[in-house]
Amino acid sequence: MNSAHSKSQAAGGVLIDTYGRVLLRRPRDGFGGYAWSYPKGRVDAGETVEQAALREVLEESGWDAEIVSQISGPGPNGDFDGDTTVTRFFLMRPLQQLADFGRKETEAIAWATPDGARRMVKETTSEQGRARDLAVLEGALGCYPR
């Protein structure tokens, strides 16, 4: 499974609020070696990547959001390569917290400053996941309308 073509398509969102804070989630039991990451998951049959990203954000963080723009990654279609998926990430604006996050997959959510988010992401033990999430953060901050 070295080829990105053999990996599943996933979608996710990086929420940045009006204060410039980034929403992170702590995956249950450090799933995949991730300490803190972004809401993301596989695209279901019949779903667009945008629909999947919004659904995953709601399921894993409890937040309803809107897409501002795609975060441009290094892969085909602007995707980011992870351990088991290729993920298309979107910069999102949080609209309202509709529900508690889904505790089956998420242990906690936290809003962090960009520097705080960098520190939290660096706790991830998966080297590829950590590098990917740091690149996603920089991409999100780069396209965040100030």
N, C-alpha and C. Protein backbone atom coordinates (compact mmCIF):
# COMPACT_ATOMS: atom_id res chain seq x y z
N MET A 1 0.84 -1.20 0.00
CA MET A 1 0.00 0.00 0.00
C MET A 1 0.87 1.25 0.00
N ASN A 2 1.86 1.31 -0.85
CA ASN A 2 2.71 2.49 -0.93
C ASN A 2 2.16 3.52 -1.89
N SER A 3 1.42 3.09 -2.85
CA SER A 3 0.88 4.00 -3.85
C SER A 3 -0.34 4.73 -3.31
N ALA A 4 -0.37 6.04 -3.57
CA ALA A 4 -1.52 6.84 -3.15
C ALA A 4 -2.79 6.36 -3.84
N HIS A 5 -2.64 5.73 -5.02
CA HIS A 5 -3.81 5.28 -5.76
C HIS A 5 -4.52 4.13 -5.08
N SER A 6 -3.82 3.39 -4.21
CA SER A 6 -4.45 2.26 -3.53
C SER A 6 -5.08 2.67 -2.20
N LYS A 7 -5.00 3.94 -1.86
CA LYS A 7 -5.56 4.43 -0.61
C LYS A 7 -6.95 4.99 -0.85
N SER A 8 -7.78 4.93 0.18
CA SER A 8 -9.15 5.45 0.11
C SER A 8 -9.13 6.98 0.08
N GLN A 9 -10.15 7.55 -0.58
CA GLN A 9 -10.33 9.01 -0.59
C GLN A 9 -11.01 9.41 0.72
N ALA A 10 -10.46 10.40 1.37
CA ALA A 10 -11.04 10.94 2.59
C ALA A 10 -11.19 12.45 2.43
N ALA A 11 -11.94 13.04 3.35
CA ALA A 11 -12.17 14.48 3.32
C ALA A 11 -12.23 14.99 4.75
N GLY A 12 -11.77 16.23 4.93
CA GLY A 12 -11.78 16.79 6.27
C GLY A 12 -11.83 18.30 6.24
N GLY A 13 -11.98 18.85 7.43
CA GLY A 13 -12.08 20.30 7.55
C GLY A 13 -11.22 20.86 8.65
N VAL A 14 -10.68 22.05 8.37
CA VAL A 14 -9.95 22.82 9.37
C VAL A 14 -10.80 24.05 9.65
N LEU A 15 -11.38 24.09 10.85
CA LEU A 15 -12.22 25.22 11.24
C LEU A 15 -11.35 26.29 11.88
N ILE A 16 -11.49 27.52 11.41
CA ILE A 16 -10.81 28.66 12.02
C ILE A 16 -11.89 29.68 12.34
N ASP A 17 -11.94 30.09 13.61
CA ASP A 17 -12.99 31.02 14.03
C ASP A 17 -12.58 32.47 13.81
N THR A 18 -13.46 33.40 14.17
CA THR A 18 -13.20 34.82 13.93
C THR A 18 -12.03 35.36 14.75
N TYR A 19 -11.60 34.62 15.77
CA TYR A 19 -10.44 35.01 16.58
C TYR A 19 -9.15 34.42 16.03
N GLY A 20 -9.25 33.65 14.92
CA GLY A 20 -8.07 33.02 14.34
C GLY A 20 -7.67 31.72 15.02
N ARG A 21 -8.57 31.19 15.87
CA ARG A 21 -8.27 29.92 16.55
C ARG A 21 -8.66 28.75 15.68
N VAL A 22 -7.91 27.66 15.83
CA VAL A 22 -8.07 26.45 15.04
C VAL A 22 -8.72 25.38 15.90
N LEU A 23 -9.70 24.66 15.33
CA LEU A 23 -10.34 23.56 16.05
C LEU A 23 -9.57 22.26 15.81
N LEU A 24 -9.18 21.60 16.89
CA LEU A 24 -8.51 20.30 16.82
C LEU A 24 -9.34 19.28 17.58
N ARG A 25 -9.17 18.02 17.19
CA ARG A 25 -9.84 16.92 17.90
C ARG A 25 -8.80 15.91 18.33
N ARG A 26 -9.04 15.34 19.51
CA ARG A 26 -8.17 14.27 20.01
C ARG A 26 -8.86 12.95 19.68
N PRO A 27 -8.27 12.16 18.75
CA PRO A 27 -8.89 10.88 18.40
C PRO A 27 -8.91 9.93 19.60
N ARG A 28 -9.97 9.14 19.71
CA ARG A 28 -10.13 8.19 20.81
C ARG A 28 -8.94 7.24 20.85
N ASP A 29 -8.38 7.07 22.03
CA ASP A 29 -7.27 6.14 22.28
C ASP A 29 -6.06 6.39 21.39
N GLY A 30 -5.85 7.64 20.98
CA GLY A 30 -4.69 7.97 20.15
C GLY A 30 -4.68 7.22 18.83
N PHE A 31 -5.86 7.00 18.27
CA PHE A 31 -6.02 6.22 17.04
C PHE A 31 -5.00 6.66 15.99
N GLY A 32 -4.29 5.70 15.41
CA GLY A 32 -3.35 5.95 14.33
C GLY A 32 -2.11 6.71 14.75
N GLY A 33 -1.90 6.86 16.07
CA GLY A 33 -0.75 7.62 16.55
C GLY A 33 -0.99 9.12 16.60
N TYR A 34 -2.24 9.53 16.38
CA TYR A 34 -2.56 10.97 16.38
C TYR A 34 -2.87 11.45 17.79
N ALA A 35 -2.19 12.53 18.20
CA ALA A 35 -2.50 13.17 19.47
C ALA A 35 -3.66 14.15 19.25
N TRP A 36 -3.47 15.07 18.30
CA TRP A 36 -4.50 16.03 17.91
C TRP A 36 -4.49 16.11 16.39
N SER A 37 -5.67 16.19 15.80
CA SER A 37 -5.79 16.25 14.35
C SER A 37 -7.04 17.04 14.01
N TYR A 38 -7.51 16.88 12.78
CA TYR A 38 -8.70 17.58 12.31
C TYR A 38 -9.79 16.56 12.04
N PRO A 39 -11.04 16.98 12.11
CA PRO A 39 -12.13 16.07 11.73
C PRO A 39 -11.95 15.65 10.27
N LYS A 40 -11.96 14.35 10.05
CA LYS A 40 -11.80 13.83 8.69
C LYS A 40 -12.25 12.39 8.65
N GLY A 41 -12.54 11.90 7.45
CA GLY A 41 -12.93 10.51 7.30
C GLY A 41 -13.18 10.18 5.85
N ARG A 42 -13.44 8.91 5.62
CA ARG A 42 -13.63 8.42 4.26
C ARG A 42 -14.91 8.97 3.63
N VAL A 43 -14.84 9.16 2.33
CA VAL A 43 -15.99 9.62 1.55
C VAL A 43 -16.90 8.42 1.31
N ASP A 44 -18.18 8.55 1.65
CA ASP A 44 -19.16 7.49 1.44
C ASP A 44 -19.63 7.48 -0.01
N ALA A 45 -20.11 6.32 -0.46
CA ALA A 45 -20.65 6.19 -1.82
C ALA A 45 -21.75 7.22 -2.03
N GLY A 46 -21.72 7.89 -3.17
CA GLY A 46 -22.76 8.86 -3.50
C GLY A 46 -22.55 10.23 -2.91
N GLU A 47 -21.46 10.41 -2.18
CA GLU A 47 -21.16 11.69 -1.51
C GLU A 47 -20.07 12.43 -2.28
N THR A 48 -20.15 13.74 -2.32
CA THR A 48 -19.02 14.52 -2.85
C THR A 48 -18.00 14.67 -1.72
N VAL A 49 -16.78 15.05 -2.09
CA VAL A 49 -15.77 15.25 -1.03
C VAL A 49 -16.18 16.40 -0.11
N GLU A 50 -16.84 17.41 -0.67
CA GLU A 50 -17.30 18.53 0.16
C GLU A 50 -18.36 18.07 1.17
N GLN A 51 -19.32 17.26 0.71
CA GLN A 51 -20.35 16.74 1.61
C GLN A 51 -19.72 15.87 2.70
N ALA A 52 -18.76 15.04 2.32
CA ALA A 52 -18.09 14.18 3.30
C ALA A 52 -17.35 15.01 4.34
N ALA A 53 -16.66 16.06 3.88
CA ALA A 53 -15.90 16.90 4.81
C ALA A 53 -16.83 17.56 5.83
N LEU A 54 -17.95 18.10 5.36
CA LEU A 54 -18.91 18.75 6.27
C LEU A 54 -19.52 17.73 7.23
N ARG A 55 -19.84 16.53 6.74
CA ARG A 55 -20.41 15.48 7.59
C ARG A 55 -19.40 15.05 8.66
N GLU A 56 -18.17 14.84 8.27
CA GLU A 56 -17.15 14.41 9.22
C GLU A 56 -16.91 15.47 10.30
N VAL A 57 -16.89 16.73 9.89
CA VAL A 57 -16.72 17.82 10.87
C VAL A 57 -17.86 17.78 11.89
N LEU A 58 -19.09 17.63 11.41
CA LEU A 58 -20.24 17.58 12.33
C LEU A 58 -20.16 16.35 13.24
N GLU A 59 -19.87 15.18 12.66
CA GLU A 59 -19.81 13.95 13.46
C GLU A 59 -18.70 13.96 14.50
N GLU A 60 -17.53 14.47 14.12
CA GLU A 60 -16.36 14.34 14.98
C GLU A 60 -16.11 15.56 15.86
N SER A 61 -16.81 16.68 15.60
CA SER A 61 -16.60 17.87 16.43
C SER A 61 -17.90 18.45 16.97
N GLY A 62 -19.05 18.09 16.35
CA GLY A 62 -20.33 18.66 16.76
C GLY A 62 -20.60 20.01 16.12
N TRP A 63 -19.68 20.50 15.29
CA TRP A 63 -19.83 21.83 14.68
C TRP A 63 -20.41 21.75 13.28
N ASP A 64 -21.40 22.62 13.02
CA ASP A 64 -21.89 22.87 11.68
C ASP A 64 -20.97 23.96 11.12
N ALA A 65 -20.54 23.78 9.87
CA ALA A 65 -19.59 24.72 9.30
C ALA A 65 -19.90 24.94 7.84
N GLU A 66 -19.25 25.93 7.26
CA GLU A 66 -19.35 26.14 5.82
C GLU A 66 -17.94 26.19 5.25
N ILE A 67 -17.83 25.69 4.02
CA ILE A 67 -16.53 25.66 3.35
C ILE A 67 -16.19 27.04 2.83
N VAL A 68 -14.97 27.49 3.14
CA VAL A 68 -14.47 28.76 2.63
C VAL A 68 -13.66 28.52 1.35
N SER A 69 -12.76 27.53 1.40
CA SER A 69 -11.94 27.19 0.24
C SER A 69 -11.26 25.85 0.48
N GLN A 70 -10.76 25.26 -0.60
CA GLN A 70 -9.97 24.04 -0.46
C GLN A 70 -8.56 24.43 -0.04
N ILE A 71 -7.98 23.64 0.83
CA ILE A 71 -6.59 23.83 1.24
C ILE A 71 -5.75 23.05 0.23
N SER A 72 -4.85 23.74 -0.44
CA SER A 72 -4.10 23.12 -1.52
C SER A 72 -2.96 22.25 -0.99
N GLY A 73 -3.06 20.96 -1.28
CA GLY A 73 -2.03 20.03 -0.88
C GLY A 73 -1.13 19.68 -2.05
N PRO A 74 -0.07 18.91 -1.78
CA PRO A 74 0.92 18.60 -2.81
C PRO A 74 0.50 17.50 -3.80
N GLY A 75 -0.55 16.74 -3.46
CA GLY A 75 -0.94 15.61 -4.29
C GLY A 75 -1.86 15.99 -5.42
N PRO A 76 -2.21 14.98 -6.23
CA PRO A 76 -3.19 15.22 -7.29
C PRO A 76 -4.49 15.77 -6.70
N ASN A 77 -5.12 16.71 -7.38
CA ASN A 77 -6.35 17.36 -6.92
C ASN A 77 -6.17 18.13 -5.62
N GLY A 78 -4.92 18.41 -5.23
CA GLY A 78 -4.68 19.17 -4.00
C GLY A 78 -4.82 18.34 -2.74
N ASP A 79 -4.76 17.01 -2.87
CA ASP A 79 -4.93 16.13 -1.71
C ASP A 79 -3.64 16.02 -0.89
N PHE A 80 -3.81 15.56 0.34
CA PHE A 80 -2.69 15.31 1.25
C PHE A 80 -2.62 13.81 1.51
N ASP A 81 -1.42 13.26 1.43
CA ASP A 81 -1.20 11.83 1.61
C ASP A 81 -1.06 11.52 3.10
N GLY A 82 -1.84 10.55 3.58
CA GLY A 82 -1.75 10.09 4.96
C GLY A 82 -1.31 8.64 5.01
N ASP A 83 -1.35 8.05 6.20
CA ASP A 83 -0.93 6.66 6.36
C ASP A 83 -1.84 5.69 5.60
N THR A 84 -3.16 5.92 5.63
CA THR A 84 -4.10 4.97 5.02
C THR A 84 -5.04 5.61 4.00
N THR A 85 -5.04 6.94 3.89
CA THR A 85 -5.96 7.63 2.99
C THR A 85 -5.25 8.78 2.29
N VAL A 86 -5.85 9.26 1.22
CA VAL A 86 -5.49 10.56 0.66
C VAL A 86 -6.66 11.47 0.99
N THR A 87 -6.37 12.59 1.60
CA THR A 87 -7.42 13.44 2.16
C THR A 87 -7.43 14.81 1.50
N ARG A 88 -8.62 15.24 1.12
CA ARG A 88 -8.82 16.60 0.64
C ARG A 88 -9.35 17.41 1.83
N PHE A 89 -8.61 18.44 2.19
CA PHE A 89 -8.99 19.27 3.33
C PHE A 89 -9.55 20.60 2.84
N PHE A 90 -10.51 21.11 3.62
CA PHE A 90 -11.13 22.39 3.33
C PHE A 90 -11.01 23.32 4.53
N LEU A 91 -10.70 24.58 4.26
CA LEU A 91 -10.78 25.61 5.28
C LEU A 91 -12.26 25.87 5.49
N MET A 92 -12.70 25.87 6.77
CA MET A 92 -14.12 26.06 7.07
C MET A 92 -14.31 27.14 8.13
N ARG A 93 -15.46 27.78 8.02
CA ARG A 93 -15.89 28.77 9.01
C ARG A 93 -16.93 28.08 9.90
N PRO A 94 -16.70 28.09 11.22
CA PRO A 94 -17.69 27.48 12.11
C PRO A 94 -18.96 28.32 12.15
N LEU A 95 -20.12 27.67 12.04
CA LEU A 95 -21.39 28.38 12.09
C LEU A 95 -21.99 28.28 13.50
N GLN A 96 -22.21 27.05 13.95
CA GLN A 96 -22.71 26.86 15.32
C GLN A 96 -22.44 25.44 15.76
N GLN A 97 -22.30 25.28 17.07
CA GLN A 97 -22.13 23.94 17.61
C GLN A 97 -23.53 23.34 17.75
N LEU A 98 -23.80 22.33 16.94
CA LEU A 98 -25.14 21.74 16.89
C LEU A 98 -25.30 20.59 17.88
N ALA A 99 -24.20 19.92 18.17
CA ALA A 99 -24.28 18.72 19.00
C ALA A 99 -22.95 18.52 19.71
N ASP A 100 -22.96 17.62 20.66
CA ASP A 100 -21.71 17.20 21.25
C ASP A 100 -20.98 16.37 20.20
N PHE A 101 -19.66 16.32 20.29
CA PHE A 101 -18.92 15.50 19.32
C PHE A 101 -19.19 14.02 19.57
N GLY A 102 -19.01 13.24 18.52
CA GLY A 102 -19.22 11.80 18.61
C GLY A 102 -18.12 11.14 19.41
N ARG A 103 -18.45 10.67 20.60
CA ARG A 103 -17.44 10.13 21.50
C ARG A 103 -16.91 8.76 21.07
N LYS A 104 -17.53 8.16 20.07
CA LYS A 104 -17.03 6.88 19.58
C LYS A 104 -15.64 7.07 18.95
N GLU A 105 -15.44 8.20 18.28
CA GLU A 105 -14.17 8.45 17.58
C GLU A 105 -13.35 9.59 18.17
N THR A 106 -13.97 10.47 18.95
CA THR A 106 -13.29 11.67 19.44
C THR A 106 -13.31 11.70 20.96
N GLU A 107 -12.13 11.90 21.56
CA GLU A 107 -12.02 12.00 23.02
C GLU A 107 -12.28 13.42 23.50
N ALA A 108 -11.81 14.41 22.72
CA ALA A 108 -11.94 15.81 23.12
C ALA A 108 -11.80 16.69 21.89
N ILE A 109 -12.33 17.91 22.00
CA ILE A 109 -12.06 18.93 20.99
C ILE A 109 -11.50 20.13 21.72
N ALA A 110 -10.71 20.94 21.01
CA ALA A 110 -10.11 22.13 21.62
C ALA A 110 -9.88 23.19 20.55
N TRP A 111 -10.09 24.43 20.95
CA TRP A 111 -9.74 25.57 20.10
C TRP A 111 -8.36 26.03 20.53
N ALA A 112 -7.47 26.26 19.57
CA ALA A 112 -6.10 26.65 19.89
C ALA A 112 -5.64 27.77 18.97
N THR A 113 -4.74 28.59 19.47
CA THR A 113 -4.09 29.58 18.61
C THR A 113 -3.27 28.82 17.57
N PRO A 114 -2.86 29.47 16.50
CA PRO A 114 -2.01 28.76 15.53
C PRO A 114 -0.75 28.15 16.17
N ASP A 115 -0.08 28.90 17.05
CA ASP A 115 1.11 28.35 17.71
C ASP A 115 0.75 27.18 18.62
N GLY A 116 -0.36 27.30 19.33
CA GLY A 116 -0.82 26.20 20.18
C GLY A 116 -1.17 24.98 19.35
N ALA A 117 -1.82 25.20 18.21
CA ALA A 117 -2.18 24.09 17.32
C ALA A 117 -0.93 23.39 16.81
N ARG A 118 0.10 24.15 16.44
CA ARG A 118 1.35 23.53 15.99
C ARG A 118 1.93 22.63 17.08
N ARG A 119 1.95 23.13 18.31
CA ARG A 119 2.49 22.33 19.44
C ARG A 119 1.67 21.06 19.65
N MET A 120 0.35 21.19 19.58
CA MET A 120 -0.52 20.03 19.81
C MET A 120 -0.36 18.98 18.71
N VAL A 121 -0.29 19.43 17.45
CA VAL A 121 -0.12 18.49 16.33
C VAL A 121 1.23 17.78 16.43
N LYS A 122 2.24 18.47 16.92
CA LYS A 122 3.58 17.87 17.02
C LYS A 122 3.63 16.72 18.03
N GLU A 123 2.60 16.55 18.86
CA GLU A 123 2.54 15.42 19.80
C GLU A 123 2.19 14.10 19.08
N THR A 124 1.73 14.18 17.84
CA THR A 124 1.38 12.98 17.08
C THR A 124 2.62 12.13 16.85
N THR A 125 2.50 10.82 17.09
CA THR A 125 3.65 9.93 16.95
C THR A 125 3.82 9.38 15.54
N SER A 126 2.78 9.38 14.71
CA SER A 126 2.90 8.97 13.31
C SER A 126 3.66 10.07 12.58
N GLU A 127 4.85 9.73 12.07
CA GLU A 127 5.67 10.73 11.40
C GLU A 127 4.96 11.33 10.19
N GLN A 128 4.37 10.45 9.36
CA GLN A 128 3.66 10.92 8.17
C GLN A 128 2.43 11.75 8.55
N GLY A 129 1.69 11.29 9.56
CA GLY A 129 0.50 12.02 10.01
C GLY A 129 0.85 13.38 10.57
N ARG A 130 1.92 13.43 11.35
CA ARG A 130 2.36 14.70 11.95
C ARG A 130 2.76 15.69 10.85
N ALA A 131 3.58 15.22 9.90
CA ALA A 131 4.03 16.10 8.81
C ALA A 131 2.84 16.57 7.98
N ARG A 132 1.92 15.65 7.70
CA ARG A 132 0.74 16.02 6.91
C ARG A 132 -0.10 17.07 7.64
N ASP A 133 -0.37 16.83 8.93
CA ASP A 133 -1.22 17.77 9.67
C ASP A 133 -0.58 19.13 9.85
N LEU A 134 0.75 19.18 9.98
CA LEU A 134 1.42 20.48 10.05
C LEU A 134 1.32 21.21 8.71
N ALA A 135 1.47 20.47 7.61
CA ALA A 135 1.33 21.07 6.28
C ALA A 135 -0.10 21.56 6.05
N VAL A 136 -1.08 20.79 6.51
CA VAL A 136 -2.49 21.19 6.39
C VAL A 136 -2.73 22.47 7.19
N LEU A 137 -2.17 22.56 8.39
CA LEU A 137 -2.34 23.76 9.23
C LEU A 137 -1.76 24.98 8.53
N GLU A 138 -0.54 24.85 8.01
CA GLU A 138 0.08 25.99 7.33
C GLU A 138 -0.72 26.38 6.09
N GLY A 139 -1.24 25.39 5.36
CA GLY A 139 -2.06 25.67 4.20
C GLY A 139 -3.35 26.40 4.58
N ALA A 140 -3.97 25.96 5.68
CA ALA A 140 -5.21 26.60 6.15
C ALA A 140 -4.95 28.04 6.57
N LEU A 141 -3.87 28.26 7.32
CA LEU A 141 -3.55 29.61 7.77
C LEU A 141 -3.21 30.51 6.58
N GLY A 142 -2.60 29.91 5.55
CA GLY A 142 -2.24 30.67 4.37
C GLY A 142 -3.42 31.15 3.55
N CYS A 143 -4.54 30.43 3.62
CA CYS A 143 -5.71 30.85 2.84
C CYS A 143 -6.82 31.42 3.73
N TYR A 144 -6.52 31.61 5.02
CA TYR A 144 -7.50 32.18 5.95
C TYR A 144 -7.64 33.67 5.68
N PRO A 145 -8.86 34.15 5.40
CA PRO A 145 -9.03 35.58 5.14
C PRO A 145 -8.89 36.41 6.41
N ARG A 146 -7.91 37.26 6.45
CA ARG A 146 -7.63 38.05 7.67
C ARG A 146 -8.36 39.37 7.65
